[in-house]
PDB file of N, CA and C in Angstrom:
ATOM      1  N   MET A   1     -30.342 -27.804  -5.192  1.00  0.00           N
ATOM      2  CA  MET A   1     -30.276 -26.546  -4.942  1.00  0.00           C
ATOM      3  C   MET A   1     -31.517 -26.092  -4.211  1.00  0.00           C
ATOM      4  N   GLU A   2     -31.303 -25.185  -3.252  1.00  0.00           N
ATOM      5  CA  GLU A   2     -32.385 -24.864  -2.505  1.00  0.00           C
ATOM      6  C   GLU A   2     -33.134 -23.626  -3.215  1.00  0.00           C
ATOM      7  N   PRO A   3     -34.455 -23.546  -2.964  1.00  0.00           N
ATOM      8  CA  PRO A   3     -35.275 -22.371  -3.685  1.00  0.00           C
ATOM      9  C   PRO A   3     -34.644 -20.980  -3.390  1.00  0.00           C
ATOM     10  N   LEU A   4     -34.093 -20.781  -2.281  1.00  0.00           N
ATOM     11  CA  LEU A   4     -33.451 -19.455  -1.935  1.00  0.00           C
ATOM     12  C   LEU A   4     -32.370 -18.996  -2.874  1.00  0.00           C
ATOM     13  N   GLU A   5     -31.355 -20.267  -3.126  1.00  0.00           N
ATOM     14  CA  GLU A   5     -30.363 -20.023  -3.945  1.00  0.00           C
ATOM     15  C   GLU A   5     -30.909 -19.819  -5.389  1.00  0.00           C
ATOM     16  N   ILE A   6     -31.888 -20.396  -5.943  1.00  0.00           N
ATOM     17  CA  ILE A   6     -32.327 -20.129  -7.236  1.00  0.00           C
ATOM     18  C   ILE A   6     -32.882 -18.608  -7.385  1.00  0.00           C
ATOM     19  N   ILE A   7     -33.801 -18.398  -6.351  1.00  0.00           N
ATOM     20  CA  ILE A   7     -34.364 -16.965  -6.398  1.00  0.00           C
ATOM     21  C   ILE A   7     -33.275 -15.859  -6.363  1.00  0.00           C
ATOM     22  N   LEU A   8     -32.313 -16.102  -5.469  1.00  0.00           N
ATOM     23  CA  LEU A   8     -31.154 -15.077  -5.384  1.00  0.00           C
ATOM     24  C   LEU A   8     -30.396 -15.078  -6.464  1.00  0.00           C
ATOM     25  N   GLY A   9     -30.019 -16.196  -7.175  1.00  0.00           N
ATOM     26  CA  GLY A   9     -29.449 -16.278  -8.437  1.00  0.00           C
ATOM     27  C   GLY A   9     -30.135 -15.647  -9.607  1.00  0.00           C
ATOM     28  N   VAL A  10     -31.342 -15.786  -9.593  1.00  0.00           N
ATOM     29  CA  VAL A  10     -32.102 -15.074 -10.941  1.00  0.00           C
ATOM     30  C   VAL A  10     -31.921 -13.557 -10.526  1.00  0.00           C
ATOM     31  N   LEU A  11     -32.245 -13.039  -9.376  1.00  0.00           N
ATOM     32  CA  LEU A  11     -32.203 -11.673  -8.975  1.00  0.00           C
ATOM     33  C   LEU A  11     -30.791 -11.033  -9.365  1.00  0.00           C
ATOM     34  N   ILE A  12     -29.687 -11.811  -9.118  1.00  0.00           N
ATOM     35  CA  ILE A  12     -28.399 -11.425  -9.415  1.00  0.00           C
ATOM     36  C   ILE A  12     -28.292 -11.269 -11.068  1.00  0.00           C
ATOM     37  N   LEU A  13     -28.655 -12.262 -11.656  1.00  0.00           N
ATOM     38  CA  LEU A  13     -28.559 -12.340 -13.010  1.00  0.00           C
ATOM     39  C   LEU A  13     -29.341 -11.106 -13.722  1.00  0.00           C
ATOM     40  N   ILE A  14     -30.495 -11.006 -13.352  1.00  0.00           N
ATOM     41  CA  ILE A  14     -31.390  -9.842 -13.887  1.00  0.00           C
ATOM     42  C   ILE A  14     -30.664  -8.519 -13.636  1.00  0.00           C
ATOM     43  N   THR A  15     -30.223  -8.314 -12.452  1.00  0.00           N
ATOM     44  CA  THR A  15     -29.582  -7.035 -11.964  1.00  0.00           C
ATOM     45  C   THR A  15     -28.303  -6.836 -12.731  1.00  0.00           C
ATOM     46  N   SER A  16     -27.461  -7.801 -12.932  1.00  0.00           N
ATOM     47  CA  SER A  16     -26.181  -7.782 -13.795  1.00  0.00           C
ATOM     48  C   SER A  16     -26.625  -7.413 -15.123  1.00  0.00           C
ATOM     49  N   ILE A  17     -27.598  -8.036 -15.760  1.00  0.00           N
ATOM     50  CA  ILE A  17     -27.991  -7.707 -17.149  1.00  0.00           C
ATOM     51  C   ILE A  17     -28.355  -6.218 -17.388  1.00  0.00           C
ATOM     52  N   LEU A  18     -29.105  -5.830 -16.310  1.00  0.00           N
ATOM     53  CA  LEU A  18     -29.698  -4.383 -16.406  1.00  0.00           C
ATOM     54  C   LEU A  18     -28.552  -3.434 -16.131  1.00  0.00           C
ATOM     55  N   VAL A  19     -27.461  -3.787 -15.402  1.00  0.00           N
ATOM     56  CA  VAL A  19     -26.371  -2.912 -15.339  1.00  0.00           C
ATOM     57  C   VAL A  19     -25.676  -2.793 -16.528  1.00  0.00           C
ATOM     58  N   VAL A  20     -25.370  -3.889 -17.241  1.00  0.00           N
ATOM     59  CA  VAL A  20     -24.703  -3.852 -18.453  1.00  0.00           C
ATOM     60  C   VAL A  20     -25.383  -3.117 -19.632  1.00  0.00           C
ATOM     61  N   VAL A  21     -26.780  -3.258 -19.700  1.00  0.00           N
ATOM     62  CA  VAL A  21     -27.638  -2.527 -20.652  1.00  0.00           C
ATOM     63  C   VAL A  21     -27.403  -0.982 -20.398  1.00  0.00           C
ATOM     64  N   LEU A  22     -27.555  -0.577 -19.143  1.00  0.00           N
ATOM     65  CA  LEU A  22     -27.525   0.817 -18.747  1.00  0.00           C
ATOM     66  C   LEU A  22     -26.096   1.454 -19.006  1.00  0.00           C
ATOM     67  N   VAL A  23     -25.151   0.722 -18.765  1.00  0.00           N
ATOM     68  CA  VAL A  23     -23.751   1.188 -19.203  1.00  0.00           C
ATOM     69  C   VAL A  23     -23.571   1.296 -20.572  1.00  0.00           C
ATOM     70  N   LEU A  24     -24.066   0.301 -21.368  1.00  0.00           N
ATOM     71  CA  LEU A  24     -24.013   0.378 -22.893  1.00  0.00           C
ATOM     72  C   LEU A  24     -24.836   1.504 -23.462  1.00  0.00           C
ATOM     73  N   MET A  25     -25.898   2.043 -22.750  1.00  0.00           N
ATOM     74  CA  MET A  25     -26.794   2.963 -23.332  1.00  0.00           C
ATOM     75  C   MET A  25     -26.145   4.373 -23.178  1.00  0.00           C
ATOM     76  N   GLN A  26     -25.255   4.548 -22.326  1.00  0.00           N
ATOM     77  CA  GLN A  26     -24.718   5.737 -21.977  1.00  0.00           C
ATOM     78  C   GLN A  26     -23.647   6.211 -23.095  1.00  0.00           C
ATOM     79  N   GLU A  27     -23.637   7.529 -23.141  1.00  0.00           N
ATOM     80  CA  GLU A  27     -22.587   8.082 -24.245  1.00  0.00           C
ATOM     81  C   GLU A  27     -21.265   7.952 -23.589  1.00  0.00           C
ATOM     82  N   GLY A  28     -20.248   8.083 -24.600  1.00  0.00           N
ATOM     83  CA  GLY A  28     -18.954   8.040 -24.184  1.00  0.00           C
ATOM     84  C   GLY A  28     -18.564   9.441 -23.605  1.00  0.00           C
ATOM     85  N   ARG A  29     -17.624   9.647 -22.779  1.00  0.00           N
ATOM     86  CA  ARG A  29     -17.262  10.876 -22.247  1.00  0.00           C
ATOM     87  C   ARG A  29     -16.408  11.928 -23.292  1.00  0.00           C
ATOM     88  N   GLN A  30     -15.805  11.177 -24.163  1.00  0.00           N
ATOM     89  CA  GLN A  30     -15.089  12.056 -25.244  1.00  0.00           C
ATOM     90  C   GLN A  30     -15.589  11.506 -26.511  1.00  0.00           C
ATOM     91  N   GLN A  31     -16.335  12.616 -27.174  1.00  0.00           N
ATOM     92  CA  GLN A  31     -16.873  12.304 -28.557  1.00  0.00           C
ATOM     93  C   GLN A  31     -16.011  12.667 -29.618  1.00  0.00           C
ATOM     94  N   GLY A  32     -14.856  13.304 -29.437  1.00  0.00           N
ATOM     95  CA  GLY A  32     -14.030  13.623 -30.341  1.00  0.00           C
ATOM     96  C   GLY A  32     -14.490  14.628 -31.252  1.00  0.00           C
ATOM     97  N   LEU A  33     -13.898  14.658 -32.483  1.00  0.00           N
ATOM     98  CA  LEU A  33     -14.273  15.814 -33.537  1.00  0.00           C
ATOM     99  C   LEU A  33     -15.738  15.700 -34.042  1.00  0.00           C
ATOM    100  N   SER A  34     -16.213  14.431 -34.044  1.00  0.00           N
ATOM    101  CA  SER A  34     -17.632  14.365 -34.612  1.00  0.00           C
ATOM    102  C   SER A  34     -18.643  14.983 -33.579  1.00  0.00           C
ATOM    103  N   GLY A  35     -18.346  14.938 -32.264  1.00  0.00           N
ATOM    104  CA  GLY A  35     -19.061  15.500 -31.268  1.00  0.00           C
ATOM    105  C   GLY A  35     -19.005  17.037 -31.331  1.00  0.00           C
ATOM    106  N   ALA A  36     -17.854  17.577 -31.718  1.00  0.00           N
ATOM    107  CA  ALA A  36     -17.779  18.953 -31.750  1.00  0.00           C
ATOM    108  C   ALA A  36     -18.463  19.495 -32.924  1.00  0.00           C
ATOM    109  N   ILE A  37     -18.480  18.791 -34.075  1.00  0.00           N
ATOM    110  CA  ILE A  37     -19.269  19.260 -35.232  1.00  0.00           C
ATOM    111  C   ILE A  37     -20.872  19.142 -34.994  1.00  0.00           C
ATOM    112  N   ALA A  38     -21.280  18.024 -34.472  1.00  0.00           N
ATOM    113  CA  ALA A  38     -22.662  17.879 -34.153  1.00  0.00           C
ATOM    114  C   ALA A  38     -23.090  18.634 -33.193  1.00  0.00           C
ATOM    115  N   GLY A  39     -22.100  19.060 -32.015  1.00  0.00           N
ATOM    116  CA  GLY A  39     -22.704  19.945 -30.982  1.00  0.00           C
ATOM    117  C   GLY A  39     -23.051  21.404 -31.525  1.00  0.00           C
ATOM    118  N   GLY A  40     -22.468  21.901 -32.566  1.00  0.00           N
ATOM    119  CA  GLY A  40     -22.861  23.163 -33.021  1.00  0.00           C
ATOM    120  C   GLY A  40     -24.295  23.204 -33.612  1.00  0.00           C
ATOM    121  N   ALA A  41     -24.726  22.050 -34.105  1.00  0.00           N
ATOM    122  CA  ALA A  41     -25.837  22.103 -34.778  1.00  0.00           C
ATOM    123  C   ALA A  41     -27.062  21.841 -33.758  1.00  0.00           C
ATOM    124  N   GLU A  42     -26.849  21.511 -32.489  1.00  0.00           N
ATOM    125  CA  GLU A  42     -27.834  21.313 -31.496  1.00  0.00           C
ATOM    126  C   GLU A  42     -28.367  22.669 -30.939  1.00  0.00           C
ATOM    127  N   THR A  43     -29.732  22.668 -30.610  1.00  0.00           N
ATOM    128  CA  THR A  43     -30.125  23.887 -29.933  1.00  0.00           C
ATOM    129  C   THR A  43     -29.838  23.712 -28.417  1.00  0.00           C
ATOM    130  N   PHE A  44     -30.179  24.837 -27.774  1.00  0.00           N
ATOM    131  CA  PHE A  44     -30.020  24.944 -26.366  1.00  0.00           C
ATOM    132  C   PHE A  44     -30.949  23.863 -25.697  1.00  0.00           C
ATOM    133  N   PHE A  45     -32.182  23.718 -26.121  1.00  0.00           N
ATOM    134  CA  PHE A  45     -33.085  22.778 -25.524  1.00  0.00           C
ATOM    135  C   PHE A  45     -32.605  21.437 -25.740  1.00  0.00           C
ATOM    136  N   GLY A  46     -32.167  21.128 -26.834  1.00  0.00           N
ATOM    137  CA  GLY A  46     -31.696  19.787 -27.080  1.00  0.00           C
ATOM    138  C   GLY A  46     -30.663  19.194 -26.358  1.00  0.00           C
ATOM    139  N   LYS A  47     -29.522  20.321 -26.074  1.00  0.00           N
ATOM    140  CA  LYS A  47     -28.547  19.917 -25.226  1.00  0.00           C
ATOM    141  C   LYS A  47     -28.909  19.626 -23.734  1.00  0.00           C
ATOM    142  N   SER A  48     -29.844  20.513 -23.186  1.00  0.00           N
ATOM    143  CA  SER A  48     -30.299  20.234 -21.771  1.00  0.00           C
ATOM    144  C   SER A  48     -31.043  18.925 -21.755  1.00  0.00           C
ATOM    145  N   LYS A  49     -31.851  18.566 -22.721  1.00  0.00           N
ATOM    146  CA  LYS A  49     -32.616  17.405 -22.700  1.00  0.00           C
ATOM    147  C   LYS A  49     -31.686  16.206 -22.730  1.00  0.00           C
ATOM    148  N   SER A  50     -30.726  16.212 -23.639  1.00  0.00           N
ATOM    149  CA  SER A  50     -29.809  15.033 -23.597  1.00  0.00           C
ATOM    150  C   SER A  50     -28.895  14.872 -22.332  1.00  0.00           C
ATOM    151  N   ARG A  51     -28.591  16.230 -21.739  1.00  0.00           N
ATOM    152  CA  ARG A  51     -27.975  15.987 -20.375  1.00  0.00           C
ATOM    153  C   ARG A  51     -28.646  15.313 -19.401  1.00  0.00           C
ATOM    154  N   THR A  52     -29.968  15.761 -19.248  1.00  0.00           N
ATOM    155  CA  THR A  52     -30.839  15.191 -18.325  1.00  0.00           C
ATOM    156  C   THR A  52     -31.026  13.664 -18.431  1.00  0.00           C
ATOM    157  N   MET A  53     -31.086  13.215 -19.709  1.00  0.00           N
ATOM    158  CA  MET A  53     -31.396  11.825 -19.911  1.00  0.00           C
ATOM    159  C   MET A  53     -30.043  11.016 -19.554  1.00  0.00           C
ATOM    160  N   GLU A  54     -28.883  11.626 -19.956  1.00  0.00           N
ATOM    161  CA  GLU A  54     -27.617  11.108 -19.538  1.00  0.00           C
ATOM    162  C   GLU A  54     -27.460  11.088 -17.971  1.00  0.00           C
ATOM    163  N   GLN A  55     -27.863  12.097 -17.315  1.00  0.00           N
ATOM    164  CA  GLN A  55     -27.747  12.141 -15.873  1.00  0.00           C
ATOM    165  C   GLN A  55     -28.726  11.004 -15.265  1.00  0.00           C
ATOM    166  N   LYS A  56     -29.922  10.858 -15.828  1.00  0.00           N
ATOM    167  CA  LYS A  56     -30.677   9.787 -15.426  1.00  0.00           C
ATOM    168  C   LYS A  56     -30.144   8.396 -15.595  1.00  0.00           C
ATOM    169  N   LEU A  57     -29.488   8.154 -16.680  1.00  0.00           N
ATOM    170  CA  LEU A  57     -28.837   6.913 -16.928  1.00  0.00           C
ATOM    171  C   LEU A  57     -27.758   6.742 -15.972  1.00  0.00           C
ATOM    172  N   VAL A  58     -26.983   7.761 -15.576  1.00  0.00           N
ATOM    173  CA  VAL A  58     -25.909   7.602 -14.708  1.00  0.00           C
ATOM    174  C   VAL A  58     -26.308   7.350 -13.237  1.00  0.00           C
ATOM    175  N   LYS A  59     -27.479   7.961 -12.850  1.00  0.00           N
ATOM    176  CA  LYS A  59     -28.100   7.849 -11.651  1.00  0.00           C
ATOM    177  C   LYS A  59     -28.567   6.330 -11.479  1.00  0.00           C
ATOM    178  N   TYR A  60     -29.385   5.865 -12.557  1.00  0.00           N
ATOM    179  CA  TYR A  60     -29.826   4.513 -12.334  1.00  0.00           C
ATOM    180  C   TYR A  60     -28.752   3.435 -12.363  1.00  0.00           C
ATOM    181  N   THR A  61     -27.650   3.765 -13.074  1.00  0.00           N
ATOM    182  CA  THR A  61     -26.618   2.790 -13.114  1.00  0.00           C
ATOM    183  C   THR A  61     -26.045   2.724 -11.825  1.00  0.00           C
ATOM    184  N   LYS A  62     -25.900   3.762 -11.017  1.00  0.00           N
ATOM    185  CA  LYS A  62     -25.241   3.734  -9.749  1.00  0.00           C
ATOM    186  C   LYS A  62     -26.037   3.091  -8.787  1.00  0.00           C
ATOM    187  N   ILE A  63     -27.435   3.217  -8.917  1.00  0.00           N
ATOM    188  CA  ILE A  63     -28.385   2.739  -8.044  1.00  0.00           C
ATOM    189  C   ILE A  63     -28.442   1.143  -8.258  1.00  0.00           C
ATOM    190  N   LEU A  64     -28.303   0.727  -9.497  1.00  0.00           N
ATOM    191  CA  LEU A  64     -28.393  -0.624  -9.808  1.00  0.00           C
ATOM    192  C   LEU A  64     -27.026  -1.395  -9.411  1.00  0.00           C
ATOM    193  N   ALA A  65     -25.907  -0.672  -9.605  1.00  0.00           N
ATOM    194  CA  ALA A  65     -24.527  -1.307  -9.231  1.00  0.00           C
ATOM    195  C   ALA A  65     -24.626  -1.427  -7.657  1.00  0.00           C
ATOM    196  N   ILE A  66     -25.012  -0.500  -6.964  1.00  0.00           N
ATOM    197  CA  ILE A  66     -25.182  -0.663  -5.484  1.00  0.00           C
ATOM    198  C   ILE A  66     -26.146  -1.760  -5.170  1.00  0.00           C
ATOM    199  N   VAL A  67     -27.122  -1.914  -5.698  1.00  0.00           N
ATOM    200  CA  VAL A  67     -28.156  -3.013  -5.532  1.00  0.00           C
ATOM    201  C   VAL A  67     -27.519  -4.440  -5.754  1.00  0.00           C
ATOM    202  N   PHE A  68     -26.619  -4.423  -7.037  1.00  0.00           N
ATOM    203  CA  PHE A  68     -26.048  -5.610  -7.304  1.00  0.00           C
ATOM    204  C   PHE A  68     -24.972  -6.081  -6.279  1.00  0.00           C
ATOM    205  N   PHE A  69     -24.069  -4.968  -5.828  1.00  0.00           N
ATOM    206  CA  PHE A  69     -23.205  -5.229  -4.837  1.00  0.00           C
ATOM    207  C   PHE A  69     -23.831  -5.877  -3.466  1.00  0.00           C
ATOM    208  N   VAL A  70     -24.834  -5.138  -3.054  1.00  0.00           N
ATOM    209  CA  VAL A  70     -25.573  -5.540  -1.874  1.00  0.00           C
ATOM    210  C   VAL A  70     -26.125  -6.928  -1.914  1.00  0.00           C
ATOM    211  N   LEU A  71     -26.753  -7.224  -3.013  1.00  0.00           N
ATOM    212  CA  LEU A  71     -27.500  -8.517  -3.401  1.00  0.00           C
ATOM    213  C   LEU A  71     -26.336  -9.632  -3.375  1.00  0.00           C
ATOM    214  N   THR A  72     -25.443  -9.346  -4.026  1.00  0.00           N
ATOM    215  CA  THR A  72     -24.225 -10.442  -4.242  1.00  0.00           C
ATOM    216  C   THR A  72     -23.646 -10.709  -2.876  1.00  0.00           C
ATOM    217  N   LEU A  73     -23.297  -9.482  -2.036  1.00  0.00           N
ATOM    218  CA  LEU A  73     -22.679  -9.765  -0.723  1.00  0.00           C
ATOM    219  C   LEU A  73     -23.685 -10.402   0.279  1.00  0.00           C
ATOM    220  N   GLY A  74     -25.004 -10.051   0.210  1.00  0.00           N
ATOM    221  CA  GLY A  74     -25.885 -10.750   1.124  1.00  0.00           C
ATOM    222  C   GLY A  74     -26.229 -12.182   0.732  1.00  0.00           C
ATOM    223  N   THR A  75     -26.235 -12.400  -0.497  1.00  0.00           N
ATOM    224  CA  THR A  75     -26.450 -13.930  -1.096  1.00  0.00           C
ATOM    225  C   THR A  75     -25.100 -14.630  -0.569  1.00  0.00           C
ATOM    226  N   THR A  76     -23.895 -14.210  -0.622  1.00  0.00           N
ATOM    227  CA  THR A  76     -22.851 -14.905  -0.314  1.00  0.00           C
ATOM    228  C   THR A  76     -22.724 -15.166   1.152  1.00  0.00           C
ATOM    229  N   LEU A  77     -23.186 -14.007   1.981  1.00  0.00           N
ATOM    230  CA  LEU A  77     -23.118 -14.347   3.412  1.00  0.00           C
ATOM    231  C   LEU A  77     -24.339 -15.229   3.909  1.00  0.00           C
ATOM    232  N   ALA A  78     -25.481 -14.988   3.270  1.00  0.00           N
ATOM    233  CA  ALA A  78     -26.571 -15.987   3.582  1.00  0.00           C
ATOM    234  C   ALA A  78     -26.316 -17.381   3.312  1.00  0.00           C
ATOM    235  N   LEU A  79     -25.840 -17.614   2.166  1.00  0.00           N
ATOM    236  CA  LEU A  79     -25.521 -19.127   1.822  1.00  0.00           C
ATOM    237  C   LEU A  79     -24.305 -19.643   2.581  1.00  0.00           C
ATOM    238  N   PHE A  80     -23.531 -18.757   3.101  1.00  0.00           N
ATOM    239  CA  PHE A  80     -22.320 -19.192   4.001  1.00  0.00           C
ATOM    240  C   PHE A  80     -22.870 -19.598   5.337  1.00  0.00           C
ATOM    241  N   PHE A  81     -23.821 -18.727   5.796  1.00  0.00           N
ATOM    242  CA  PHE A  81     -24.224 -19.184   7.189  1.00  0.00           C
ATOM    243  C   PHE A  81     -25.256 -20.181   7.165  1.00  0.00           C
ATOM    244  N   ILE A  82     -25.932 -20.450   6.068  1.00  0.00           N
ATOM    245  CA  ILE A  82     -26.977 -21.472   6.025  1.00  0.00           C
ATOM    246  C   ILE A  82     -26.328 -22.757   5.951  1.00  0.00           C
ATOM    247  N   ARG A  83     -25.250 -22.942   5.176  1.00  0.00           N
ATOM    248  CA  ARG A  83     -24.532 -24.200   5.165  1.00  0.00           C
ATOM    249  C   ARG A  83     -23.738 -24.431   6.417  1.00  0.00           C
TER     250      ARG A  83
END
């Protein structure tokens, strides 16, 4: 293996693990009855705080997914043209 292959492989691995972790950290879209009951107990500030955290997670997930896609495509093309 060439050093370039190892470096790019490690970067893809780290990026993919981060994408999985960020997706798992996000709340489900439908919380069902428990979300409706717990939602009544939250204050206005608590709701907006959780929304902004959720929005940040969604934003970071999108960015990392794009980085993963570009990195994977770039690695494939780079290794194709090198060999």
